[in-house]
Amino acid sequence: MFKSILLIACLFVAQAIVAQDQPKQATLVVKTPNSCDHCKVCESCGLKLETDLYYVRGIKRVEYDQESQTTTIVYKTKLLTPEQIRREIVQLGFDADELKADPAAYAKRDGCCK
């Protein structure tokens, strides 16, 4: 009986140690090319990438860099994976690294942003 209790206690301690190693947040940089030079002010898609990603559960911060044409995303690792984030970007009508934008969402963007 004592050995069983000791074994169970060791398993709980081991699980607690392993759980501490996983980071709670991570940062992902995604290449999101955009040919529009005024996307920050464009009415149809300006800031769309940044604002709409906040509706995805687990995303904490989004920043688009026009010069490097990348989007930096801080997210909760327990709720999202990098692949899920890329799929969300694609569904908004933007390319995400090697994934191409969803054609229906891309068609909704303004002509200057295509």
N, C-alpha and C. Protein backbone atom coordinates (compact mmCIF):
# COMPACT_ATOMS: atom_id res chain seq x y z
N MET A 1 0.82 -1.19 0.00
CA MET A 1 0.00 0.00 0.00
C MET A 1 0.87 1.26 0.00
N PHE A 2 1.90 1.25 0.81
CA PHE A 2 2.80 2.40 0.90
C PHE A 2 3.50 2.64 -0.44
N LYS A 3 3.90 1.56 -1.11
CA LYS A 3 4.58 1.69 -2.41
C LYS A 3 3.64 2.29 -3.46
N SER A 4 2.40 1.94 -3.42
CA SER A 4 1.43 2.48 -4.37
C SER A 4 1.25 3.99 -4.16
N ILE A 5 1.15 4.38 -2.92
CA ILE A 5 0.99 5.81 -2.60
C ILE A 5 2.24 6.58 -3.01
N LEU A 6 3.39 6.01 -2.77
CA LEU A 6 4.65 6.65 -3.15
C LEU A 6 4.76 6.78 -4.67
N LEU A 7 4.35 5.75 -5.40
CA LEU A 7 4.39 5.79 -6.85
C LEU A 7 3.45 6.87 -7.39
N ILE A 8 2.26 6.96 -6.86
CA ILE A 8 1.30 7.99 -7.29
C ILE A 8 1.84 9.38 -7.00
N ALA A 9 2.43 9.57 -5.84
CA ALA A 9 3.01 10.87 -5.49
C ALA A 9 4.13 11.24 -6.45
N CYS A 10 4.97 10.29 -6.81
CA CYS A 10 6.05 10.55 -7.77
C CYS A 10 5.50 10.94 -9.13
N LEU A 11 4.44 10.30 -9.56
CA LEU A 11 3.83 10.63 -10.84
C LEU A 11 3.28 12.05 -10.85
N PHE A 12 2.65 12.48 -9.77
CA PHE A 12 2.14 13.84 -9.68
C PHE A 12 3.27 14.86 -9.71
N VAL A 13 4.36 14.58 -9.02
CA VAL A 13 5.50 15.49 -9.01
C VAL A 13 6.12 15.57 -10.40
N ALA A 14 6.27 14.44 -11.07
CA ALA A 14 6.84 14.43 -12.42
C ALA A 14 5.97 15.21 -13.39
N GLN A 15 4.67 15.07 -13.27
CA GLN A 15 3.75 15.79 -14.15
C GLN A 15 3.84 17.30 -13.91
N ALA A 16 3.97 17.70 -12.68
CA ALA A 16 4.09 19.12 -12.36
C ALA A 16 5.37 19.71 -12.93
N ILE A 17 6.45 18.95 -12.90
CA ILE A 17 7.73 19.43 -13.44
C ILE A 17 7.64 19.57 -14.94
N VAL A 18 7.05 18.61 -15.63
CA VAL A 18 6.92 18.66 -17.09
C VAL A 18 6.02 19.81 -17.50
N ALA A 19 4.96 20.05 -16.78
CA ALA A 19 4.01 21.11 -17.12
C ALA A 19 4.65 22.49 -17.03
N GLN A 20 5.64 22.66 -16.21
CA GLN A 20 6.29 23.96 -16.06
C GLN A 20 7.19 24.29 -17.23
N ASP A 21 7.63 23.30 -17.98
CA ASP A 21 8.55 23.53 -19.08
C ASP A 21 7.88 24.16 -20.31
N GLN A 22 6.58 23.97 -20.49
CA GLN A 22 5.90 24.49 -21.65
C GLN A 22 5.61 25.98 -21.47
N PRO A 23 6.08 26.81 -22.43
CA PRO A 23 5.80 28.24 -22.32
C PRO A 23 4.31 28.52 -22.52
N LYS A 24 3.82 29.54 -21.84
CA LYS A 24 2.40 29.87 -21.94
C LYS A 24 2.10 30.73 -23.15
N GLN A 25 3.09 31.52 -23.59
CA GLN A 25 2.92 32.36 -24.77
C GLN A 25 4.12 32.19 -25.68
N ALA A 26 3.87 32.41 -26.96
CA ALA A 26 4.94 32.35 -27.95
C ALA A 26 4.72 33.47 -28.96
N THR A 27 5.76 33.77 -29.71
CA THR A 27 5.69 34.80 -30.74
C THR A 27 5.93 34.14 -32.09
N LEU A 28 5.10 34.48 -33.06
CA LEU A 28 5.19 33.94 -34.40
C LEU A 28 5.29 35.10 -35.38
N VAL A 29 6.24 35.02 -36.30
CA VAL A 29 6.38 36.02 -37.36
C VAL A 29 6.00 35.34 -38.67
N VAL A 30 4.97 35.90 -39.32
CA VAL A 30 4.44 35.31 -40.54
C VAL A 30 4.64 36.30 -41.69
N LYS A 31 5.16 35.80 -42.80
CA LYS A 31 5.31 36.63 -44.00
C LYS A 31 3.93 36.82 -44.61
N THR A 32 3.45 38.07 -44.64
CA THR A 32 2.14 38.40 -45.17
C THR A 32 2.29 39.49 -46.22
N PRO A 33 2.75 39.12 -47.41
CA PRO A 33 2.99 40.13 -48.45
C PRO A 33 1.71 40.86 -48.85
N ASN A 34 1.87 42.15 -49.08
CA ASN A 34 0.74 42.99 -49.44
C ASN A 34 1.25 44.08 -50.36
N SER A 35 0.71 44.16 -51.56
CA SER A 35 1.21 45.12 -52.54
C SER A 35 0.68 46.53 -52.31
N CYS A 36 -0.29 46.67 -51.45
CA CYS A 36 -0.90 47.98 -51.19
C CYS A 36 0.06 48.85 -50.38
N ASP A 37 0.27 50.08 -50.83
CA ASP A 37 1.19 50.96 -50.12
C ASP A 37 0.46 51.88 -49.14
N HIS A 38 -0.84 51.76 -49.04
CA HIS A 38 -1.59 52.60 -48.10
C HIS A 38 -2.56 51.78 -47.26
N CYS A 39 -2.21 50.56 -46.98
CA CYS A 39 -3.13 49.64 -46.30
C CYS A 39 -3.54 50.12 -44.91
N LYS A 40 -2.77 50.92 -44.29
CA LYS A 40 -3.15 51.41 -42.96
C LYS A 40 -4.36 52.34 -43.03
N VAL A 41 -4.60 52.96 -44.18
CA VAL A 41 -5.73 53.88 -44.29
C VAL A 41 -6.83 53.37 -45.21
N CYS A 42 -6.61 52.30 -45.93
CA CYS A 42 -7.59 51.76 -46.87
C CYS A 42 -8.85 51.34 -46.10
N GLU A 43 -10.02 51.75 -46.58
CA GLU A 43 -11.26 51.48 -45.86
C GLU A 43 -11.67 50.01 -45.91
N SER A 44 -11.35 49.30 -46.98
CA SER A 44 -11.83 47.93 -47.09
C SER A 44 -10.95 46.92 -46.37
N CYS A 45 -9.66 47.15 -46.33
CA CYS A 45 -8.82 46.14 -45.66
C CYS A 45 -7.76 46.75 -44.76
N GLY A 46 -7.72 48.06 -44.63
CA GLY A 46 -6.76 48.68 -43.74
C GLY A 46 -6.98 48.21 -42.30
N LEU A 47 -5.95 47.77 -41.69
CA LEU A 47 -5.96 47.25 -40.32
C LEU A 47 -6.79 45.97 -40.16
N LYS A 48 -7.36 45.44 -41.25
CA LYS A 48 -8.18 44.24 -41.15
C LYS A 48 -7.40 43.08 -40.57
N LEU A 49 -6.18 42.91 -41.04
CA LEU A 49 -5.36 41.82 -40.55
C LEU A 49 -5.12 41.94 -39.05
N GLU A 50 -4.80 43.13 -38.62
CA GLU A 50 -4.52 43.33 -37.20
C GLU A 50 -5.77 43.23 -36.33
N THR A 51 -6.86 43.86 -36.74
CA THR A 51 -8.04 43.88 -35.89
C THR A 51 -8.80 42.55 -35.89
N ASP A 52 -8.95 41.92 -37.03
CA ASP A 52 -9.73 40.68 -37.10
C ASP A 52 -9.03 39.51 -36.42
N LEU A 53 -7.72 39.52 -36.36
CA LEU A 53 -7.02 38.42 -35.68
C LEU A 53 -7.25 38.47 -34.17
N TYR A 54 -7.59 39.63 -33.63
CA TYR A 54 -7.87 39.72 -32.20
C TYR A 54 -9.12 38.94 -31.80
N TYR A 55 -9.99 38.66 -32.76
CA TYR A 55 -11.20 37.89 -32.48
C TYR A 55 -10.92 36.39 -32.35
N VAL A 56 -9.72 35.97 -32.72
CA VAL A 56 -9.35 34.57 -32.60
C VAL A 56 -8.94 34.31 -31.15
N ARG A 57 -9.58 33.34 -30.54
CA ARG A 57 -9.30 33.02 -29.13
C ARG A 57 -7.85 32.56 -28.98
N GLY A 58 -7.13 33.22 -28.10
CA GLY A 58 -5.75 32.86 -27.82
C GLY A 58 -4.72 33.84 -28.37
N ILE A 59 -5.13 34.72 -29.26
CA ILE A 59 -4.21 35.72 -29.80
C ILE A 59 -4.20 36.92 -28.86
N LYS A 60 -3.01 37.31 -28.44
CA LYS A 60 -2.85 38.39 -27.47
C LYS A 60 -2.42 39.71 -28.11
N ARG A 61 -1.55 39.65 -29.14
CA ARG A 61 -1.06 40.89 -29.76
C ARG A 61 -0.75 40.62 -31.23
N VAL A 62 -1.05 41.61 -32.07
CA VAL A 62 -0.80 41.51 -33.51
C VAL A 62 -0.20 42.83 -33.98
N GLU A 63 0.89 42.74 -34.73
CA GLU A 63 1.51 43.94 -35.30
C GLU A 63 1.94 43.64 -36.73
N TYR A 64 1.50 44.49 -37.67
CA TYR A 64 1.89 44.34 -39.07
C TYR A 64 2.99 45.33 -39.38
N ASP A 65 4.06 44.87 -40.02
CA ASP A 65 5.18 45.72 -40.41
C ASP A 65 5.16 45.86 -41.92
N GLN A 66 4.84 47.06 -42.41
CA GLN A 66 4.71 47.30 -43.85
C GLN A 66 6.05 47.13 -44.57
N GLU A 67 7.13 47.56 -43.96
CA GLU A 67 8.44 47.48 -44.62
C GLU A 67 8.86 46.04 -44.91
N SER A 68 8.80 45.20 -43.90
CA SER A 68 9.21 43.80 -44.09
C SER A 68 8.07 42.91 -44.54
N GLN A 69 6.86 43.47 -44.56
CA GLN A 69 5.64 42.76 -44.92
C GLN A 69 5.49 41.47 -44.12
N THR A 70 5.61 41.63 -42.81
CA THR A 70 5.44 40.51 -41.89
C THR A 70 4.45 40.91 -40.80
N THR A 71 3.83 39.91 -40.24
CA THR A 71 2.93 40.12 -39.12
C THR A 71 3.48 39.36 -37.92
N THR A 72 3.65 40.05 -36.82
CA THR A 72 4.14 39.44 -35.59
C THR A 72 2.95 39.21 -34.68
N ILE A 73 2.81 37.96 -34.22
CA ILE A 73 1.65 37.57 -33.43
C ILE A 73 2.13 36.93 -32.13
N VAL A 74 1.61 37.41 -31.01
CA VAL A 74 1.84 36.79 -29.71
C VAL A 74 0.57 36.02 -29.37
N TYR A 75 0.73 34.73 -29.05
CA TYR A 75 -0.43 33.88 -28.83
C TYR A 75 -0.20 32.92 -27.67
N LYS A 76 -1.30 32.37 -27.16
CA LYS A 76 -1.25 31.37 -26.09
C LYS A 76 -1.01 30.00 -26.70
N THR A 77 0.03 29.33 -26.24
CA THR A 77 0.41 28.05 -26.84
C THR A 77 -0.57 26.92 -26.52
N LYS A 78 -1.31 27.05 -25.45
CA LYS A 78 -2.28 26.00 -25.11
C LYS A 78 -3.52 26.07 -25.99
N LEU A 79 -3.79 27.21 -26.61
CA LEU A 79 -5.00 27.38 -27.40
C LEU A 79 -4.77 27.34 -28.90
N LEU A 80 -3.57 27.68 -29.35
CA LEU A 80 -3.30 27.79 -30.79
C LEU A 80 -1.96 27.19 -31.16
N THR A 81 -1.86 26.80 -32.41
CA THR A 81 -0.59 26.38 -33.00
C THR A 81 -0.25 27.37 -34.11
N PRO A 82 1.00 27.44 -34.53
CA PRO A 82 1.35 28.33 -35.64
C PRO A 82 0.56 28.02 -36.91
N GLU A 83 0.29 26.76 -37.18
CA GLU A 83 -0.47 26.39 -38.38
C GLU A 83 -1.91 26.91 -38.30
N GLN A 84 -2.52 26.87 -37.14
CA GLN A 84 -3.88 27.40 -36.98
C GLN A 84 -3.90 28.91 -37.23
N ILE A 85 -2.88 29.60 -36.77
CA ILE A 85 -2.80 31.05 -36.97
C ILE A 85 -2.64 31.36 -38.45
N ARG A 86 -1.80 30.60 -39.15
CA ARG A 86 -1.64 30.82 -40.59
C ARG A 86 -2.96 30.59 -41.33
N ARG A 87 -3.72 29.58 -40.93
CA ARG A 87 -5.02 29.32 -41.57
C ARG A 87 -5.99 30.48 -41.32
N GLU A 88 -5.95 31.07 -40.14
CA GLU A 88 -6.81 32.22 -39.84
C GLU A 88 -6.44 33.40 -40.74
N ILE A 89 -5.16 33.63 -40.95
CA ILE A 89 -4.71 34.73 -41.82
C ILE A 89 -5.17 34.49 -43.25
N VAL A 90 -5.06 33.26 -43.72
CA VAL A 90 -5.49 32.89 -45.08
C VAL A 90 -6.99 33.15 -45.24
N GLN A 91 -7.78 32.86 -44.21
CA GLN A 91 -9.22 33.06 -44.27
C GLN A 91 -9.61 34.54 -44.28
N LEU A 92 -8.67 35.41 -43.92
CA LEU A 92 -8.91 36.85 -43.98
C LEU A 92 -8.55 37.43 -45.35
N GLY A 93 -7.99 36.60 -46.24
CA GLY A 93 -7.66 37.05 -47.58
C GLY A 93 -6.22 37.46 -47.77
N PHE A 94 -5.35 37.06 -46.88
CA PHE A 94 -3.93 37.38 -46.98
C PHE A 94 -3.12 36.10 -47.11
N ASP A 95 -1.99 36.19 -47.81
CA ASP A 95 -1.06 35.06 -47.85
C ASP A 95 -0.39 34.94 -46.49
N ALA A 96 -0.05 33.72 -46.10
CA ALA A 96 0.63 33.48 -44.83
C ALA A 96 1.77 32.50 -45.08
N ASP A 97 2.97 33.03 -45.17
CA ASP A 97 4.15 32.24 -45.52
C ASP A 97 3.89 31.52 -46.84
N GLU A 98 3.91 30.19 -46.84
CA GLU A 98 3.73 29.44 -48.08
C GLU A 98 2.26 29.21 -48.45
N LEU A 99 1.34 29.52 -47.56
CA LEU A 99 -0.09 29.33 -47.82
C LEU A 99 -0.65 30.52 -48.59
N LYS A 100 -1.47 30.23 -49.60
CA LYS A 100 -2.08 31.29 -50.40
C LYS A 100 -3.41 31.71 -49.78
N ALA A 101 -3.77 32.96 -50.00
CA ALA A 101 -5.01 33.53 -49.45
C ALA A 101 -6.24 32.81 -49.99
N ASP A 102 -7.27 32.73 -49.18
CA ASP A 102 -8.54 32.16 -49.59
C ASP A 102 -9.11 33.03 -50.71
N PRO A 103 -9.44 32.44 -51.86
CA PRO A 103 -9.91 33.25 -53.01
C PRO A 103 -11.15 34.08 -52.71
N ALA A 104 -12.11 33.54 -51.96
CA ALA A 104 -13.33 34.30 -51.65
C ALA A 104 -13.02 35.49 -50.76
N ALA A 105 -12.17 35.32 -49.77
CA ALA A 105 -11.80 36.43 -48.88
C ALA A 105 -10.93 37.44 -49.61
N TYR A 106 -10.05 36.96 -50.48
CA TYR A 106 -9.19 37.85 -51.26
C TYR A 106 -10.02 38.72 -52.20
N ALA A 107 -11.10 38.17 -52.76
CA ALA A 107 -11.95 38.91 -53.69
C ALA A 107 -12.67 40.06 -53.00
N LYS A 108 -12.88 39.97 -51.70
CA LYS A 108 -13.56 41.04 -50.94
C LYS A 108 -12.66 42.24 -50.69
N ARG A 109 -11.36 42.05 -50.84
CA ARG A 109 -10.44 43.16 -50.59
C ARG A 109 -10.54 44.20 -51.69
N ASP A 110 -10.17 45.43 -51.37
CA ASP A 110 -10.22 46.53 -52.32
C ASP A 110 -9.25 46.27 -53.48
N GLY A 111 -9.55 46.84 -54.64
CA GLY A 111 -8.73 46.62 -55.84
C GLY A 111 -7.28 47.00 -55.67
N CYS A 112 -7.00 48.05 -54.91
CA CYS A 112 -5.61 48.48 -54.73
C CYS A 112 -4.81 47.52 -53.84
N CYS A 113 -5.52 46.70 -53.10
CA CYS A 113 -4.86 45.81 -52.13
C CYS A 113 -4.66 44.40 -52.67
N LYS A 114 -5.02 44.17 -53.91
CA LYS A 114 -4.90 42.83 -54.49
C LYS A 114 -3.57 42.67 -55.20
